[in-house]
Amino acid sequence: MTPDIAAWIRERGISEVECIVPDMNGIQRGKVLPATKFLKSMTDKTLRIPGSVYIVTVTGGYPEDVEHIVPDFDPDLILAPDISTIREAPGYKTPTAYVICDSYHGNGKAVEIAPRQILKKVLALYEAKGWQPVIAPEAEFYLVNKNLDADFPLTPPPGRSGRAETASEAFGLEALSEFEDIIEQVYDWCEKAELNIDTMIHEAGAAQLEVNFVHGDPLALADQVLLFKRIVRQVALEHGVYATFMAKPMSDQPGSAMHIHQSVLNAETGKNIFSTGNGRDSALFRSHIAGLVRLMPQILPLVAPNVNSFRRMRPDTAAPINVHWGSDNRSCGFRVPICESKDRRVENRLPGADSNPYLAIAASLICGYIGMVERMIPPKIMEGNAYNRARTLPRTLEAALDRFYNCKPVKRELGEQFFEIFWAIKDAELYAYQSVISSWEREHLLLKV
């Protein structure tokens, strides 16, 4: 395979290769190598990275008491580039390529806590059953003015007219054209990087956009979402603004989600197992939904991983507060779109745009898988507005982490070590957040209490 990659690099004049390692938060870490050294590393296995790359928090720190999983002396892991992910990296003066890497211990065993490996583990469970999951993510994000002081709130940037949006412009074509230059460059760069994006729309928030990905293999699409975030942020900077995938970047605007449409095919026949021969819901489809309804609330940190994630989940903001399911009902946590029987699928509306795509997709698929294997029965379909029903999702990351660690069915499939590390990382981030005194506290408590 190496000679083919050497030819690919030579034909495109690639000088440098970014070897990307997605960490627990979906942040891209790794190394940049000269192309010649990269090719050499593929044969002599000299491409390495400290094992602590998988326990870094969003604040750049490390959780305590995990030395039994990642020792204090922080041994190296061997990085193995997944050649199927190599692609040109747009926007660089020096011709550069991206490649996403998997990690291995010195004995050749895959690093089981790596997010990409977690998704592979879930896909292997489906494969063993003769099932082939298909997903289609929808990623929302905001364009905002540059924010050089974190104490100041974010604000929408002006568009081509020179004016910033002040009201909701959901699906507005004129509003979309305000950012035409940015959008065109995003499409151009995604095409160069071979990202299979489809429709882009203006969402309900001020300068909030959404892109839909063409449905396909879950691992390939997780890779694409990861790189898409990188490309969008770089394009935005070239135009003097920020692009953010925070779940709730502005208090007076809707949050940003990463909805996941998912279906399952018979791997041998290619037919959608969510539909019966006469086009009705299959028993497996209903069990898949039942698994989502029962288990997703217990592992919510995998799709709502940050303290900010829970600010998005408020009534009447197009974000769920419970896990009802319904037909073409966007007030529900799980929506069944109107479609032909061959395309029958469920849309998981819980994940935030800030979630790690590998872990969010893995979480969504493993819940559906357990539901099918255990033949779970879903609750009655929701008729009407689910926001009128009680909130059943946790309101904070702290409450969600309490449920997460005790979800035995999912922990059994994804691994005790992964659960322990993920919980420790998020607990450390939560402690850091709770150590900060907010402007709200100074405003309302300083001179009153």
Protein backbone atom coordinates (compact mmCIF):
# COMPACT_ATOMS: atom_id res chain seq x y z
CA MET A 1 0.00 0.00 0.00
CA THR A 2 2.87 2.38 0.74
CA PRO A 3 3.96 2.74 -2.91
CA ASP A 4 0.41 3.85 -3.80
CA ILE A 5 0.47 6.45 -1.04
CA ALA A 6 3.91 7.57 -2.18
CA ALA A 7 2.52 8.04 -5.67
CA TRP A 8 -0.53 9.91 -4.30
CA ILE A 9 1.76 12.27 -2.37
CA ARG A 10 4.11 12.73 -5.31
CA GLU A 11 1.31 13.44 -7.82
CA ARG A 12 -0.11 16.20 -5.60
CA GLY A 13 3.22 17.66 -4.59
CA ILE A 14 2.48 17.12 -0.90
CA SER A 15 5.29 18.44 1.32
CA GLU A 16 3.81 17.88 4.79
CA VAL A 17 1.35 15.46 6.36
CA GLU A 18 -0.81 16.23 9.39
CA CYS A 19 -1.24 13.01 11.37
CA ILE A 20 -4.47 13.58 13.32
CA VAL A 21 -5.49 11.89 16.56
CA PRO A 22 -9.05 12.69 17.72
CA ASP A 23 -9.04 12.96 21.52
CA MET A 24 -11.94 12.37 23.91
CA ASN A 25 -13.38 15.82 23.27
CA GLY A 26 -13.08 15.49 19.49
CA ILE A 27 -10.19 17.97 19.53
CA GLN A 28 -7.64 17.23 16.83
CA ARG A 29 -4.21 16.47 18.21
CA GLY A 30 -1.23 14.82 16.57
CA LYS A 31 1.93 15.64 14.64
CA VAL A 32 3.00 17.31 11.39
CA LEU A 33 5.65 15.42 9.43
CA PRO A 34 7.57 16.09 6.23
CA ALA A 35 6.08 13.82 3.57
CA THR A 36 9.28 11.79 3.22
CA LYS A 37 9.43 11.13 6.97
CA PHE A 38 5.74 10.23 7.00
CA LEU A 39 6.27 7.57 4.31
CA LYS A 40 9.26 6.20 6.19
CA SER A 41 7.28 6.03 9.45
CA MET A 42 4.70 3.78 7.80
CA THR A 43 7.29 1.05 7.35
CA ASP A 44 9.45 1.42 10.47
CA LYS A 45 6.59 2.34 12.86
CA THR A 46 8.41 5.36 14.23
CA LEU A 47 5.29 7.55 14.30
CA ARG A 48 4.43 7.74 17.99
CA ILE A 49 2.59 9.87 20.52
CA PRO A 50 2.31 9.85 24.34
CA GLY A 51 -0.59 7.78 25.67
CA SER A 52 -1.81 10.77 27.67
CA VAL A 53 -3.23 12.22 24.44
CA TYR A 54 -6.45 10.38 25.29
CA ILE A 55 -6.85 11.85 28.78
CA VAL A 56 -6.38 15.57 28.02
CA THR A 57 -9.24 17.79 29.20
CA VAL A 58 -10.60 20.78 27.27
CA THR A 59 -8.64 23.01 29.66
CA GLY A 60 -5.37 21.24 28.81
CA GLY A 61 -5.14 19.43 32.13
CA TYR A 62 -5.37 15.78 33.13
CA PRO A 63 -7.68 13.93 35.53
CA GLU A 64 -6.30 12.40 38.68
CA ASP A 65 -6.24 8.76 39.72
CA VAL A 66 -6.07 7.14 36.28
CA GLU A 67 -2.46 5.95 36.46
CA HIS A 68 -3.60 2.33 36.32
CA ILE A 69 -4.88 3.02 32.79
CA VAL A 70 -2.32 5.62 31.60
CA PRO A 71 0.80 5.29 33.78
CA ASP A 72 2.56 8.38 35.21
CA PHE A 73 5.59 7.77 32.98
CA ASP A 74 3.30 8.24 29.97
CA PRO A 75 4.56 5.58 27.54
CA ASP A 76 4.38 6.13 23.80
CA LEU A 77 1.71 4.70 21.58
CA ILE A 78 2.32 3.71 17.97
CA LEU A 79 0.26 5.69 15.48
CA ALA A 80 -1.00 3.83 12.42
CA PRO A 81 -2.38 6.17 9.71
CA ASP A 82 -5.67 4.97 8.22
CA ILE A 83 -4.77 5.43 4.57
CA SER A 84 -8.43 5.51 3.55
CA THR A 85 -8.65 8.90 5.31
CA ILE A 86 -5.77 10.66 3.54
CA ARG A 87 -6.86 13.74 1.62
CA GLU A 88 -5.55 17.12 0.57
CA ALA A 89 -5.70 19.79 3.26
CA PRO A 90 -7.06 23.01 1.74
CA GLY A 91 -5.88 26.48 2.64
CA TYR A 92 -2.21 25.82 3.35
CA LYS A 93 0.63 27.69 1.61
CA THR A 94 2.70 24.52 1.82
CA PRO A 95 0.92 21.60 0.05
CA THR A 96 -0.34 19.54 2.98
CA ALA A 97 -2.36 16.38 3.52
CA TYR A 98 -4.57 15.23 6.39
CA VAL A 99 -4.57 11.65 7.59
CA ILE A 100 -6.40 10.29 10.65
CA CYS A 101 -4.51 7.81 12.81
CA ASP A 102 -5.39 4.87 15.02
CA SER A 103 -3.30 4.08 18.08
CA TYR A 104 -1.67 0.84 19.20
CA HIS A 105 0.31 -0.37 22.17
CA GLY A 106 3.78 -1.76 21.66
CA ASN A 107 2.36 -5.30 21.62
CA GLY A 108 0.20 -4.43 18.61
CA LYS A 109 -3.07 -4.25 20.54
CA ALA A 110 -5.40 -1.38 19.65
CA VAL A 111 -5.92 1.32 22.28
CA GLU A 112 -9.42 0.45 23.43
CA ILE A 113 -10.26 3.84 24.98
CA ALA A 114 -9.55 5.75 21.73
CA PRO A 115 -12.82 7.32 20.46
CA ARG A 116 -12.28 6.02 16.93
CA GLN A 117 -11.73 2.53 18.32
CA ILE A 118 -14.91 2.82 20.39
CA LEU A 119 -16.90 3.45 17.21
CA LYS A 120 -15.14 0.56 15.47
CA LYS A 121 -16.10 -1.70 18.37
CA VAL A 122 -19.77 -0.78 17.96
CA LEU A 123 -19.64 -1.35 14.21
CA ALA A 124 -18.09 -4.78 14.81
CA LEU A 125 -21.10 -5.72 16.95
CA TYR A 126 -23.42 -4.82 14.08
CA GLU A 127 -21.25 -6.72 11.60
CA ALA A 128 -21.39 -9.86 13.73
CA LYS A 129 -25.19 -9.75 13.44
CA GLY A 130 -25.10 -9.26 9.68
CA TRP A 131 -26.28 -5.66 10.08
CA GLN A 132 -24.90 -2.58 8.37
CA PRO A 133 -25.72 0.76 10.03
CA VAL A 134 -26.07 3.85 7.86
CA ILE A 135 -26.01 7.36 9.27
CA ALA A 136 -26.37 10.95 8.10
CA PRO A 137 -25.24 13.74 10.44
CA GLU A 138 -26.52 17.31 10.37
CA ALA A 139 -24.07 19.78 11.91
CA GLU A 140 -25.10 23.26 13.05
CA PHE A 141 -22.71 26.10 13.81
CA TYR A 142 -22.60 29.86 14.31
CA LEU A 143 -20.54 32.58 12.71
CA VAL A 144 -19.65 35.20 15.33
CA ASN A 145 -17.50 38.30 15.59
CA LYS A 146 -13.98 37.74 16.82
CA ASN A 147 -13.98 37.56 20.60
CA LEU A 148 -10.59 38.53 22.04
CA ASP A 149 -11.80 38.80 25.63
CA ALA A 150 -13.64 35.75 26.94
CA ASP A 151 -15.48 37.91 29.50
CA PHE A 152 -17.51 39.56 26.73
CA PRO A 153 -20.54 37.82 25.15
CA LEU A 154 -20.43 36.66 21.54
CA THR A 155 -22.21 38.72 18.88
CA PRO A 156 -23.39 37.96 15.32
CA PRO A 157 -21.10 39.34 12.59
CA PRO A 158 -22.22 41.64 9.79
CA GLY A 159 -22.90 40.00 6.44
CA ARG A 160 -22.22 41.36 2.97
CA SER A 161 -24.76 44.15 3.55
CA GLY A 162 -22.70 45.41 6.47
CA ARG A 163 -25.51 44.71 8.91
CA ALA A 164 -25.72 41.98 11.55
CA GLU A 165 -28.86 39.87 11.98
CA THR A 166 -31.13 40.82 14.86
CA ALA A 167 -34.02 38.37 14.42
CA SER A 168 -34.62 34.75 13.47
CA GLU A 169 -34.03 34.03 9.78
CA ALA A 170 -34.77 30.29 9.64
CA PHE A 171 -34.35 28.99 6.08
CA GLY A 172 -33.95 32.57 4.83
CA LEU A 173 -32.26 32.64 1.42
CA GLU A 174 -31.44 36.34 1.61
CA ALA A 175 -29.95 35.73 5.05
CA LEU A 176 -27.95 32.82 3.69
CA SER A 177 -26.57 34.93 0.85
CA GLU A 178 -25.28 37.41 3.42
CA PHE A 179 -22.48 34.89 4.02
CA GLU A 180 -22.17 33.68 0.43
CA ASP A 181 -18.41 34.23 0.27
CA ILE A 182 -17.81 32.10 3.34
CA ILE A 183 -20.24 29.40 2.21
CA GLU A 184 -18.71 29.14 -1.27
CA GLN A 185 -15.24 28.79 0.19
CA VAL A 186 -16.46 26.10 2.61
CA TYR A 187 -17.87 24.14 -0.33
CA ASP A 188 -14.67 24.60 -2.33
CA TRP A 189 -12.45 23.47 0.50
CA CYS A 190 -14.70 20.53 1.35
CA GLU A 191 -14.60 19.43 -2.28
CA LYS A 192 -10.80 19.58 -2.27
CA ALA A 193 -10.76 17.56 0.96
CA GLU A 194 -13.32 15.09 -0.48
CA LEU A 195 -15.91 15.72 2.21
CA ASN A 196 -19.31 14.61 0.97
CA ILE A 197 -21.47 17.48 2.22
CA ASP A 198 -24.92 18.08 0.79
CA THR A 199 -27.35 20.88 1.65
CA MET A 200 -26.49 24.01 3.62
CA ILE A 201 -29.27 26.09 5.15
CA HIS A 202 -29.65 29.11 7.39
CA GLU A 203 -30.89 27.94 10.78
CA ALA A 204 -33.06 29.82 13.27
CA GLY A 205 -30.23 31.61 15.09
CA ALA A 206 -28.54 34.83 14.01
CA ALA A 207 -25.77 33.81 11.57
CA GLN A 208 -26.44 30.14 12.40
CA LEU A 209 -25.88 27.68 9.57
CA GLU A 210 -26.45 23.95 9.15
CA VAL A 211 -24.83 21.49 6.77
CA ASN A 212 -26.20 18.03 5.96
CA PHE A 213 -23.86 15.20 5.11
CA VAL A 214 -24.73 12.57 2.52
CA HIS A 215 -25.65 9.32 4.30
CA GLY A 216 -23.10 6.54 4.48
CA ASP A 217 -20.69 4.53 6.63
CA PRO A 218 -20.61 5.73 10.27
CA LEU A 219 -16.81 5.69 10.64
CA ALA A 220 -16.23 7.54 7.36
CA LEU A 221 -18.81 10.16 8.33
CA ALA A 222 -17.34 10.65 11.79
CA ASP A 223 -14.01 11.32 10.06
CA GLN A 224 -15.70 13.82 7.75
CA VAL A 225 -17.46 15.69 10.58
CA LEU A 226 -14.14 15.97 12.42
CA LEU A 227 -12.40 17.48 9.39
CA PHE A 228 -15.41 19.64 8.47
CA LYS A 229 -15.19 21.44 11.80
CA ARG A 230 -11.52 22.17 11.14
CA ILE A 231 -12.19 23.48 7.64
CA VAL A 232 -15.11 25.69 8.66
CA ARG A 233 -13.12 27.29 11.46
CA GLN A 234 -10.22 28.00 9.10
CA VAL A 235 -12.47 29.47 6.40
CA ALA A 236 -14.18 31.72 8.95
CA LEU A 237 -10.83 33.04 10.18
CA GLU A 238 -9.86 33.92 6.61
CA HIS A 239 -12.98 36.10 6.51
CA GLY A 240 -12.25 37.79 9.83
CA VAL A 241 -14.85 35.96 11.95
CA TYR A 242 -15.06 32.88 14.15
CA ALA A 243 -17.04 29.72 13.48
CA THR A 244 -18.13 27.94 16.64
CA PHE A 245 -19.68 24.56 17.29
CA MET A 246 -20.47 25.34 20.92
CA ALA A 247 -23.85 23.92 21.86
CA LYS A 248 -25.12 27.27 23.19
CA PRO A 249 -22.76 30.11 22.27
CA MET A 250 -25.25 32.96 22.85
CA SER A 251 -27.84 33.13 25.61
CA ASP A 252 -30.54 34.73 23.44
CA GLN A 253 -30.12 32.41 20.43
CA PRO A 254 -31.02 28.74 19.84
CA GLY A 255 -28.39 26.07 20.44
CA SER A 256 -26.47 24.11 17.84
CA ALA A 257 -27.07 20.39 17.39
CA MET A 258 -25.58 17.51 15.49
CA HIS A 259 -28.67 15.46 14.69
CA ILE A 260 -27.92 11.88 13.62
CA HIS A 261 -30.21 10.09 11.17
CA GLN A 262 -29.69 6.35 11.43
CA SER A 263 -30.97 3.21 9.78
CA VAL A 264 -29.75 -0.38 9.52
CA LEU A 265 -29.40 -2.53 6.42
CA ASN A 266 -29.14 -6.27 5.98
CA ALA A 267 -25.44 -6.51 5.11
CA GLU A 268 -26.06 -9.32 2.62
CA THR A 269 -29.12 -8.02 0.78
CA GLY A 270 -28.75 -4.28 1.33
CA LYS A 271 -32.40 -4.01 2.39
CA ASN A 272 -33.49 -1.76 5.22
CA ILE A 273 -34.30 -4.00 8.20
CA PHE A 274 -36.39 -1.21 9.74
CA SER A 275 -39.15 -2.00 7.22
CA THR A 276 -41.20 -5.16 6.73
CA GLY A 277 -41.91 -6.66 3.32
CA ASN A 278 -45.18 -4.74 3.09
CA GLY A 279 -43.53 -1.46 4.07
CA ARG A 280 -44.53 -1.21 7.73
CA ASP A 281 -42.36 -0.60 10.79
CA SER A 282 -40.45 -3.76 11.61
CA ALA A 283 -40.11 -5.19 15.11
CA LEU A 284 -36.36 -4.43 14.92
CA PHE A 285 -37.11 -0.80 14.11
CA ARG A 286 -39.31 -0.43 17.16
CA SER A 287 -36.75 -2.19 19.35
CA HIS A 288 -34.03 0.10 17.99
CA ILE A 289 -36.10 3.11 19.05
CA ALA A 290 -36.81 1.49 22.41
CA GLY A 291 -33.07 1.15 23.02
CA LEU A 292 -32.57 4.83 22.23
CA VAL A 293 -35.43 5.88 24.50
CA ARG A 294 -34.29 3.75 27.42
CA LEU A 295 -30.52 4.14 27.27
CA MET A 296 -29.64 7.51 25.75
CA PRO A 297 -30.68 9.47 28.87
CA GLN A 298 -28.24 7.35 30.86
CA ILE A 299 -25.24 8.08 28.63
CA LEU A 300 -26.08 11.67 27.74
CA PRO A 301 -22.50 12.96 28.33
CA LEU A 302 -21.43 11.11 25.19
CA VAL A 303 -23.67 13.41 23.11
CA ALA A 304 -23.75 16.40 25.48
CA PRO A 305 -20.18 16.37 26.78
CA ASN A 306 -19.64 19.89 28.14
CA VAL A 307 -21.11 22.15 30.82
CA ASN A 308 -22.36 24.37 28.00
CA SER A 309 -24.13 21.43 26.30
CA PHE A 310 -27.01 21.48 28.76
CA ARG A 311 -27.82 25.15 28.15
CA ARG A 312 -29.07 24.07 24.71
CA MET A 313 -31.73 21.69 26.05
CA ARG A 314 -34.57 24.05 26.86
CA PRO A 315 -38.28 23.95 25.97
CA ASP A 316 -39.40 25.31 22.61
CA THR A 317 -35.85 25.85 21.30
CA ALA A 318 -35.81 22.91 18.83
CA ALA A 319 -33.78 20.96 21.39
CA PRO A 320 -35.26 18.04 23.35
CA ILE A 321 -35.94 17.99 27.09
CA ASN A 322 -37.15 14.38 27.16
CA VAL A 323 -36.92 11.21 25.08
CA HIS A 324 -40.34 10.75 23.57
CA TRP A 325 -40.44 9.57 19.97
CA GLY A 326 -42.83 10.64 17.27
CA SER A 327 -43.59 10.71 13.57
CA ASP A 328 -42.19 13.88 11.98
CA ASN A 329 -42.33 15.52 15.42
CA ARG A 330 -39.43 17.88 16.14
CA SER A 331 -40.44 18.40 19.75
CA CYS A 332 -39.37 14.81 20.47
CA GLY A 333 -35.92 13.53 21.28
CA PHE A 334 -36.31 10.92 18.53
CA ARG A 335 -38.08 11.83 15.30
CA VAL A 336 -39.14 9.41 12.60
CA PRO A 337 -39.06 11.39 9.34
CA ILE A 338 -41.70 10.85 6.67
CA CYS A 339 -40.00 8.76 4.00
CA GLU A 340 -40.35 5.70 1.81
CA SER A 341 -40.11 2.33 3.54
CA LYS A 342 -36.69 1.63 2.01
CA ASP A 343 -35.38 4.81 3.67
CA ARG A 344 -37.03 4.30 7.07
CA ARG A 345 -34.83 5.81 9.75
CA VAL A 346 -34.85 7.58 13.09
CA GLU A 347 -33.35 10.97 13.80
CA ASN A 348 -31.57 11.29 17.14
CA ARG A 349 -32.01 14.95 18.12
CA LEU A 350 -30.09 14.78 21.40
CA PRO A 351 -26.46 15.25 20.26
CA GLY A 352 -25.00 18.73 20.39
CA ALA A 353 -22.71 20.19 17.75
CA ASP A 354 -20.00 20.20 20.42
CA SER A 355 -20.00 16.42 20.76
CA ASN A 356 -17.16 14.20 19.62
CA PRO A 357 -18.56 12.73 16.37
CA TYR A 358 -17.05 9.28 17.00
CA LEU A 359 -18.53 9.01 20.48
CA ALA A 360 -21.88 10.57 19.59
CA ILE A 361 -22.39 8.18 16.68
CA ALA A 362 -21.14 5.22 18.73
CA ALA A 363 -23.51 6.12 21.59
CA SER A 364 -26.51 6.45 19.29
CA LEU A 365 -25.81 3.18 17.50
CA ILE A 366 -25.01 1.12 20.62
CA CYS A 367 -28.29 2.11 22.27
CA GLY A 368 -30.23 1.04 19.19
CA TYR A 369 -28.18 -2.16 18.97
CA ILE A 370 -28.90 -3.16 22.58
CA GLY A 371 -32.56 -2.41 22.01
CA MET A 372 -32.64 -4.77 19.01
CA VAL A 373 -30.65 -7.54 20.67
CA GLU A 374 -32.78 -7.44 23.81
CA ARG A 375 -36.00 -6.99 21.81
CA MET A 376 -37.03 -3.95 23.83
CA ILE A 377 -40.54 -2.55 23.44
CA PRO A 378 -40.81 1.24 22.93
CA PRO A 379 -43.28 3.41 24.81
CA LYS A 380 -46.36 4.70 23.02
CA ILE A 381 -45.62 7.05 20.16
CA MET A 382 -45.90 10.74 21.09
CA GLU A 383 -48.83 12.65 19.68
CA GLY A 384 -48.67 16.40 20.11
CA ASN A 385 -46.09 18.65 21.72
CA ALA A 386 -43.46 16.80 23.77
CA TYR A 387 -42.48 20.08 25.43
CA ASN A 388 -45.77 19.85 27.33
CA ARG A 389 -44.52 16.68 29.00
CA ALA A 390 -42.19 16.48 31.98
CA ARG A 391 -38.50 17.01 31.53
CA THR A 392 -36.67 13.69 31.93
CA LEU A 393 -33.21 14.62 30.68
CA PRO A 394 -30.69 15.86 33.26
CA ARG A 395 -30.30 19.63 33.49
CA THR A 396 -26.55 19.68 34.14
CA LEU A 397 -23.39 17.79 33.28
CA GLU A 398 -23.01 16.91 36.96
CA ALA A 399 -26.39 15.16 37.05
CA ALA A 400 -25.71 13.47 33.72
CA LEU A 401 -22.36 12.08 34.88
CA ASP A 402 -24.04 10.48 37.90
CA ARG A 403 -26.29 8.49 35.55
CA PHE A 404 -23.55 7.81 33.01
CA TYR A 405 -21.20 5.83 35.20
CA ASN A 406 -23.95 3.43 36.28
CA CYS A 407 -25.25 2.51 32.80
CA LYS A 408 -24.26 -1.14 32.91
CA PRO A 409 -25.66 -2.28 29.52
CA VAL A 410 -23.62 0.28 27.56
CA LYS A 411 -20.60 0.05 29.83
CA ARG A 412 -20.49 -3.68 29.18
CA GLU A 413 -20.25 -3.09 25.42
CA LEU A 414 -17.97 -0.05 25.32
CA GLY A 415 -15.65 -1.12 28.12
CA GLU A 416 -15.06 -0.35 31.78
CA GLN A 417 -11.79 1.49 31.07
CA PHE A 418 -13.38 3.80 28.54
CA PHE A 419 -16.18 4.69 30.96
CA GLU A 420 -13.72 5.33 33.75
CA ILE A 421 -11.47 7.58 31.64
CA PHE A 422 -14.33 9.52 30.05
CA TRP A 423 -15.98 10.09 33.43
CA ALA A 424 -12.68 11.22 34.98
CA ILE A 425 -12.03 13.71 32.16
CA LYS A 426 -15.50 15.21 32.39
CA ASP A 427 -15.40 15.32 36.18
CA ALA A 428 -12.11 17.23 36.02
CA GLU A 429 -13.61 19.71 33.53
CA LEU A 430 -16.66 20.13 35.74
CA TYR A 431 -14.46 20.89 38.76
CA ALA A 432 -12.51 23.48 36.75
CA TYR A 433 -15.74 25.12 35.61
CA GLN A 434 -17.22 25.21 39.10
CA SER A 435 -14.05 26.93 40.33
CA VAL A 436 -14.80 30.00 38.19
CA ILE A 437 -16.83 32.86 39.64
CA SER A 438 -19.19 34.10 36.91
CA SER A 439 -20.23 37.65 35.99
CA TRP A 440 -23.82 36.67 36.95
CA GLU A 441 -22.68 36.00 40.51
CA ARG A 442 -20.85 39.32 40.69
CA GLU A 443 -23.82 41.15 39.19
CA HIS A 444 -26.51 39.76 41.48
CA LEU A 445 -24.71 38.73 44.66
CA LEU A 446 -21.76 41.07 45.16
CA LEU A 447 -23.65 43.92 46.85
CA LYS A 448 -26.94 42.26 47.76
CA VAL A 449 -26.46 39.12 49.82
